[in-house]
Amino acid sequence: MNFDTRAQIRTGVRLGWIDTRRDTGLTLLPEVDSERESIAFIGGIYDTRDNVGLVGQGSYANMRYGNSGEWLGGEQDYSLAEGLV
């Protein structure tokens, strides 16, 4: 959802499969053949920059929070928070 030309809020769900293979590293780490992954997320962007390539004034913020778990059908339970200011 856009708010004017400066702000945006996004929500969504990502579902899929993850395949991993360890080529190097400690043998103490577990091998994971394939597992389901699912995450629900919400994020927002706020951008008042006057020019994207060469900024003279303004600010930019991009934030995202996600939560994954068995309640969505995934095999891993974790939370994720990312941000850029």
C-alpha atoms as a PDB file:
ATOM      1  CA  MET A   1       0.000   0.000   0.000  1.00  0.00           C
ATOM      2  CA  ASN A   2       1.440   3.357  -1.015  1.00  0.00           C
ATOM      3  CA  PHE A   3       1.106   6.541   1.004  1.00  0.00           C
ATOM      4  CA  ASP A   4       1.588   9.501  -1.313  1.00  0.00           C
ATOM      5  CA  THR A   5       4.915   9.152  -3.174  1.00  0.00           C
ATOM      6  CA  ARG A   6       7.147   8.848  -0.103  1.00  0.00           C
ATOM      7  CA  ALA A   7       6.009   5.845   1.933  1.00  0.00           C
ATOM      8  CA  GLN A   8       4.974   2.239   1.380  1.00  0.00           C
ATOM      9  CA  ILE A   9       3.886  -0.690   3.582  1.00  0.00           C
ATOM     10  CA  ARG A  10       4.229  -4.298   2.406  1.00  0.00           C
ATOM     11  CA  THR A  11       2.926  -7.527   3.904  1.00  0.00           C
ATOM     12  CA  GLY A  12       3.140 -11.062   2.666  1.00  0.00           C
ATOM     13  CA  VAL A  13       3.853 -14.730   3.155  1.00  0.00           C
ATOM     14  CA  ARG A  14       6.665 -16.727   1.551  1.00  0.00           C
ATOM     15  CA  LEU A  15       6.434 -20.514   1.351  1.00  0.00           C
ATOM     16  CA  GLY A  16       8.938 -22.886  -0.199  1.00  0.00           C
ATOM     17  CA  TRP A  17      11.603 -25.548   0.169  1.00  0.00           C
ATOM     18  CA  ILE A  18      15.255 -25.136   1.171  1.00  0.00           C
ATOM     19  CA  ASP A  19      17.987 -27.499   0.001  1.00  0.00           C
ATOM     20  CA  THR A  20      21.438 -27.269   1.577  1.00  0.00           C
ATOM     21  CA  ARG A  21      24.665 -29.160   1.056  1.00  0.00           C
ATOM     22  CA  ARG A  22      27.851 -28.730   3.037  1.00  0.00           C
ATOM     23  CA  ASP A  23      30.976 -28.902   0.863  1.00  0.00           C
ATOM     24  CA  THR A  24      33.438 -27.653   3.486  1.00  0.00           C
ATOM     25  CA  GLY A  25      33.387 -26.844   7.175  1.00  0.00           C
ATOM     26  CA  LEU A  26      33.001 -28.629  10.444  1.00  0.00           C
ATOM     27  CA  THR A  27      31.571 -32.120  10.318  1.00  0.00           C
ATOM     28  CA  LEU A  28      29.850 -31.365  13.632  1.00  0.00           C
ATOM     29  CA  LEU A  29      27.271 -29.274  11.762  1.00  0.00           C
ATOM     30  CA  PRO A  30      24.188 -31.229  10.730  1.00  0.00           C
ATOM     31  CA  GLU A  31      23.438 -32.097   7.114  1.00  0.00           C
ATOM     32  CA  VAL A  32      19.997 -30.934   6.020  1.00  0.00           C
ATOM     33  CA  ASP A  33      18.720 -32.507   2.837  1.00  0.00           C
ATOM     34  CA  SER A  34      15.502 -30.580   2.331  1.00  0.00           C
ATOM     35  CA  GLU A  35      13.028 -28.765   4.546  1.00  0.00           C
ATOM     36  CA  ARG A  36       9.953 -26.572   4.280  1.00  0.00           C
ATOM     37  CA  GLU A  37      10.340 -22.866   4.926  1.00  0.00           C
ATOM     38  CA  SER A  38       7.587 -20.356   5.575  1.00  0.00           C
ATOM     39  CA  ILE A  39       7.645 -16.781   6.812  1.00  0.00           C
ATOM     40  CA  ALA A  40       5.050 -14.038   7.274  1.00  0.00           C
ATOM     41  CA  PHE A  41       6.458 -10.529   7.056  1.00  0.00           C
ATOM     42  CA  ILE A  42       5.596  -6.853   7.257  1.00  0.00           C
ATOM     43  CA  GLY A  43       7.806  -4.033   6.084  1.00  0.00           C
ATOM     44  CA  GLY A  44       7.849  -0.354   5.382  1.00  0.00           C
ATOM     45  CA  ILE A  45       9.783   2.109   3.258  1.00  0.00           C
ATOM     46  CA  TYR A  46      10.034   5.865   3.782  1.00  0.00           C
ATOM     47  CA  ASP A  47      11.922   7.887   1.156  1.00  0.00           C
ATOM     48  CA  THR A  48      12.250  11.676   0.986  1.00  0.00           C
ATOM     49  CA  ARG A  49      15.473  11.813  -1.060  1.00  0.00           C
ATOM     50  CA  ASP A  50      15.629  14.441  -3.794  1.00  0.00           C
ATOM     51  CA  ASN A  51      17.629  12.171  -6.129  1.00  0.00           C
ATOM     52  CA  VAL A  52      18.142   8.404  -5.884  1.00  0.00           C
ATOM     53  CA  GLY A  53      21.599   8.324  -7.502  1.00  0.00           C
ATOM     54  CA  LEU A  54      23.276  11.406  -6.017  1.00  0.00           C
ATOM     55  CA  VAL A  55      21.435  12.516  -2.893  1.00  0.00           C
ATOM     56  CA  GLY A  56      21.559  16.179  -1.981  1.00  0.00           C
ATOM     57  CA  GLN A  57      18.975  16.150   0.777  1.00  0.00           C
ATOM     58  CA  GLY A  58      16.332  13.916   2.307  1.00  0.00           C
ATOM     59  CA  SER A  59      16.328  10.581   4.096  1.00  0.00           C
ATOM     60  CA  TYR A  60      15.624   6.900   3.429  1.00  0.00           C
ATOM     61  CA  ALA A  61      14.472   4.131   5.775  1.00  0.00           C
ATOM     62  CA  ASN A  62      13.646   0.516   4.900  1.00  0.00           C
ATOM     63  CA  MET A  63      12.481  -1.827   7.674  1.00  0.00           C
ATOM     64  CA  ARG A  64      11.208  -5.418   7.640  1.00  0.00           C
ATOM     65  CA  TYR A  65      10.102  -7.889  10.320  1.00  0.00           C
ATOM     66  CA  GLY A  66       9.297 -11.547   9.711  1.00  0.00           C
ATOM     67  CA  ASN A  67       8.198 -14.482  11.798  1.00  0.00           C
ATOM     68  CA  SER A  68       8.517 -18.099  10.798  1.00  0.00           C
ATOM     69  CA  GLY A  69       7.378 -21.234  12.509  1.00  0.00           C
ATOM     70  CA  GLU A  70       5.388 -24.399  12.544  1.00  0.00           C
ATOM     71  CA  TRP A  71       2.157 -22.397  12.699  1.00  0.00           C
ATOM     72  CA  LEU A  72       2.778 -21.560   9.007  1.00  0.00           C
ATOM     73  CA  GLY A  73       3.822 -25.081   8.047  1.00  0.00           C
ATOM     74  CA  GLY A  74       7.592 -24.514   8.178  1.00  0.00           C
ATOM     75  CA  GLU A  75      10.140 -26.680   9.934  1.00  0.00           C
ATOM     76  CA  GLN A  76      12.209 -23.866  11.470  1.00  0.00           C
ATOM     77  CA  ASP A  77      11.053 -21.438  14.150  1.00  0.00           C
ATOM     78  CA  TYR A  78      12.706 -18.001  13.986  1.00  0.00           C
ATOM     79  CA  SER A  79      12.134 -14.259  13.827  1.00  0.00           C
ATOM     80  CA  LEU A  80      13.900 -11.827  11.513  1.00  0.00           C
ATOM     81  CA  ALA A  81      14.320  -8.055  11.785  1.00  0.00           C
ATOM     82  CA  GLU A  82      16.174  -6.003   9.168  1.00  0.00           C
ATOM     83  CA  GLY A  83      16.567  -2.294   8.728  1.00  0.00           C
ATOM     84  CA  LEU A  84      18.413   0.320   6.737  1.00  0.00           C
ATOM     85  CA  VAL A  85      18.427   4.001   7.619  1.00  0.00           C
END
